[in-house]
Protein backbone atom coordinates (compact mmCIF):
# COMPACT_ATOMS: atom_id res chain seq x y z
CA MET A 1 -12.02 17.92 -1.47
CA PRO A 2 -9.11 19.14 0.64
CA TYR A 3 -7.49 16.83 3.14
CA GLU A 4 -7.75 18.02 6.72
CA VAL A 5 -4.89 18.51 9.14
CA GLY A 6 -4.58 15.45 11.37
CA GLU A 7 -6.27 13.02 9.02
CA TYR A 8 -4.50 10.05 7.49
CA VAL A 9 -4.16 9.77 3.74
CA ILE A 10 -2.49 7.39 1.36
CA TYR A 11 0.22 8.95 -0.78
CA SER A 12 1.03 6.86 -3.84
CA SER A 13 4.79 7.03 -3.41
CA LEU A 14 5.03 6.61 0.39
CA GLY A 15 1.94 4.87 1.69
CA ILE A 16 0.09 6.08 4.75
CA CYS A 17 0.82 9.60 5.97
CA GLN A 18 -0.73 12.08 8.33
CA VAL A 19 -1.55 15.54 7.02
CA ILE A 20 0.35 18.01 9.19
CA GLN A 21 -0.40 21.07 7.07
CA ASN A 22 -2.81 21.53 4.15
CA ASP A 23 -2.14 25.08 3.06
CA ALA A 24 1.62 25.52 3.10
CA HIS A 25 3.29 28.03 0.81
CA VAL A 26 6.51 26.37 -0.23
CA SER A 27 8.74 27.53 -3.05
CA LEU A 28 10.00 24.09 -4.08
CA ALA A 29 8.96 24.22 -7.72
CA GLY A 30 9.28 27.96 -8.22
CA ASP A 31 5.58 28.84 -7.91
CA GLU A 32 5.13 30.48 -4.54
CA ASN A 33 1.36 30.70 -5.06
CA GLU A 34 1.02 26.91 -5.16
CA LEU A 35 -0.38 25.43 -1.96
CA TYR A 36 1.16 22.25 -0.60
CA TYR A 37 0.14 19.46 1.71
CA ILE A 38 2.87 18.61 4.16
CA LEU A 39 2.63 14.96 5.06
CA ALA A 40 4.33 12.93 7.76
CA PRO A 41 4.67 9.27 6.73
CA ILE A 42 3.89 6.89 9.57
CA GLU A 43 7.32 5.40 8.93
CA LYS A 44 9.36 8.08 10.65
CA ARG A 45 12.51 7.24 8.67
CA LEU A 46 10.89 8.63 5.51
CA GLY A 47 10.90 12.27 6.66
CA LYS A 48 8.24 14.64 5.34
CA ALA A 49 6.54 14.83 1.97
CA TYR A 50 5.54 18.04 0.24
CA VAL A 51 2.70 17.47 -2.20
CA PRO A 52 1.36 20.38 -4.25
CA HIS A 53 -2.42 20.64 -4.38
CA SER A 54 -2.13 20.27 -8.16
CA ARG A 55 -0.92 16.69 -7.58
CA SER A 56 -3.56 15.78 -5.03
CA ALA A 57 -4.69 12.95 -7.36
CA GLU A 58 -1.72 11.05 -5.89
CA LEU A 59 -3.48 11.15 -2.51
CA ARG A 60 -6.53 9.28 -1.33
CA HIS A 61 -8.46 8.96 1.88
CA THR A 62 -7.94 5.79 3.87
CA LEU A 63 -10.55 3.12 3.54
CA ASN A 64 -13.10 2.83 6.28
CA LYS A 65 -13.26 -0.38 8.31
CA GLU A 66 -16.06 -1.91 6.22
CA GLU A 67 -14.24 -1.20 2.94
CA ALA A 68 -11.03 -2.68 4.30
CA LEU A 69 -12.76 -5.88 5.45
CA ARG A 70 -14.65 -6.15 2.16
CA SER A 71 -11.32 -5.87 0.31
CA LEU A 72 -9.83 -8.59 2.49
CA ASP A 73 -12.83 -10.78 1.63
CA MET A 74 -12.32 -10.11 -2.07
CA VAL A 75 -8.66 -11.17 -2.03
CA PHE A 76 -9.66 -14.81 -1.50
CA ASP A 77 -11.26 -14.87 -4.96
CA LEU A 78 -8.42 -13.03 -6.70
CA GLU A 79 -6.16 -15.05 -8.92
CA PRO A 80 -2.48 -14.12 -8.67
CA ASP A 81 -1.27 -11.80 -11.42
CA THR A 82 0.55 -13.95 -13.98
CA PHE A 83 2.36 -11.19 -15.86
CA GLN A 84 5.59 -12.64 -17.23
CA ASP A 85 8.38 -11.35 -19.40
CA THR A 86 11.93 -12.44 -20.07
CA ASN A 87 13.00 -8.97 -18.98
CA SER A 88 12.85 -9.01 -15.17
CA HIS A 89 12.83 -5.21 -15.09
CA LEU A 90 9.53 -5.16 -16.99
CA VAL A 91 8.06 -7.64 -14.54
CA GLN A 92 9.25 -5.53 -11.63
CA GLU A 93 7.89 -2.35 -13.21
CA HIS A 94 4.50 -4.02 -13.81
CA PHE A 95 4.14 -4.77 -10.11
CA ARG A 96 5.60 -1.39 -9.05
CA GLU A 97 2.85 0.27 -11.12
CA LEU A 98 0.23 -1.74 -9.23
CA ILE A 99 1.77 -0.57 -5.96
CA ARG A 100 1.89 3.07 -7.12
CA SER A 101 -1.72 2.88 -8.35
CA ASN A 102 -2.69 3.73 -4.79
CA ASP A 103 -5.42 1.10 -4.79
CA PHE A 104 -5.79 -1.15 -1.75
CA LEU A 105 -7.06 -4.13 -3.74
CA SER A 106 -4.08 -3.82 -6.11
CA LEU A 107 -1.76 -3.97 -3.11
CA LEU A 108 -3.50 -7.15 -1.98
CA LEU A 109 -3.10 -8.56 -5.50
CA VAL A 110 0.63 -7.82 -5.45
CA CYS A 111 0.94 -9.61 -2.10
CA LYS A 112 -0.98 -12.62 -3.29
CA SER A 113 1.03 -12.75 -6.53
CA MET A 114 4.40 -12.41 -4.79
CA HIS A 115 3.48 -15.08 -2.22
CA ALA A 116 2.57 -17.45 -5.05
CA ARG A 117 5.78 -16.73 -6.98
CA ILE A 118 7.99 -17.07 -3.90
CA GLN A 119 6.33 -20.37 -2.94
CA GLU A 120 6.77 -21.66 -6.49
CA GLN A 121 10.46 -20.78 -6.49
CA GLU A 122 11.01 -22.33 -3.08
CA SER A 123 9.16 -25.51 -4.08
CA LYS A 124 11.61 -25.90 -6.98
CA LYS A 125 14.46 -25.58 -4.49
CA HIS A 126 15.41 -22.19 -5.90
CA GLY A 127 15.96 -19.33 -3.53
CA ALA A 128 13.14 -16.84 -3.62
CA SER A 129 13.81 -13.86 -5.85
CA LEU A 130 15.02 -10.81 -3.99
CA THR A 131 12.87 -8.68 -6.33
CA TYR A 132 9.75 -10.62 -5.36
CA LYS A 133 10.61 -10.30 -1.68
CA LYS A 134 11.09 -6.54 -2.01
CA LEU A 135 7.79 -6.12 -3.88
CA LEU A 136 6.01 -8.20 -1.25
CA ASP A 137 7.60 -6.19 1.55
CA ASP A 138 6.61 -2.85 -0.05
CA ALA A 139 3.01 -3.91 -0.65
CA GLN A 140 2.69 -5.44 2.84
CA ARG A 141 4.15 -2.35 4.49
CA ARG A 142 1.50 -0.19 2.83
CA ILE A 143 -1.33 -2.61 3.63
CA TYR A 144 -0.24 -2.97 7.26
CA GLY A 145 0.03 0.79 7.67
CA GLU A 146 -3.44 1.45 6.34
CA LEU A 147 -5.04 -1.42 8.24
CA SER A 148 -3.42 -0.32 11.50
CA ILE A 149 -5.05 3.10 11.15
CA VAL A 150 -8.40 1.80 9.88
CA LEU A 151 -8.71 -0.93 12.50
CA ASN A 152 -7.15 1.17 15.27
CA ILE A 153 -4.52 -1.45 16.12
CA GLU A 154 -0.75 -1.34 16.31
CA ILE A 155 1.02 -2.03 13.03
CA GLU A 156 2.74 -5.05 14.63
CA GLU A 157 -0.70 -6.58 15.30
CA VAL A 158 -1.84 -6.43 11.66
CA PRO A 159 -0.25 -9.70 10.42
CA ALA A 160 -1.94 -11.64 13.24
CA PHE A 161 -5.24 -9.89 12.50
CA ILE A 162 -5.00 -10.87 8.81
CA LYS A 163 -4.12 -14.46 9.71
CA ASP A 164 -7.07 -14.73 12.13
CA TYR A 165 -9.37 -13.07 9.60
CA SER A 166 -8.25 -15.54 6.92
CA LEU A 167 -8.90 -18.50 9.22
CA GLN A 168 -12.39 -17.20 10.02
CA HIS A 169 -13.06 -16.77 6.30
CA GLU A 170 -11.92 -20.36 5.63
CA LYS A 171 -14.20 -21.72 8.35
CA GLN A 172 -17.16 -19.83 6.91
CA GLN A 173 -16.48 -21.26 3.45
CA ASN A 174 -16.45 -24.87 4.73
């Protein structure tokens, strides 16, 4: 199903973007017959993205409000991902793959896992790993972007919304 001009989509390598053109003829890869989506990431500093229709599997529609709230509910029952390896690059790549999977629940899992790892490091009086902080930041940025569109709130309001939502969920569980 083609993505419509003006709609928001999630692009696996950039996060949330708005479709500004869905039938562009661009000769980036040599095939002038290939149609491209031209996307504008909501983070203006990222420029534009040109995605050929043949790679549209890297795009997905945003969640609707009910799906987003259901995912937030599910995160409370998720156990942090415990993937470990002595090679820190393999650990980083494991979590980068979850981020690139373009799955909202996977992004929530990365956040929960990075929070747990950072807290553990800080409780042992170690500084939190810069890698963990970067992974957390990337996953949060994508979550906040999508939730801001889905919930029709400013991106700066999303952390407070999540905190309030979490407190409500806790109260309901008690």
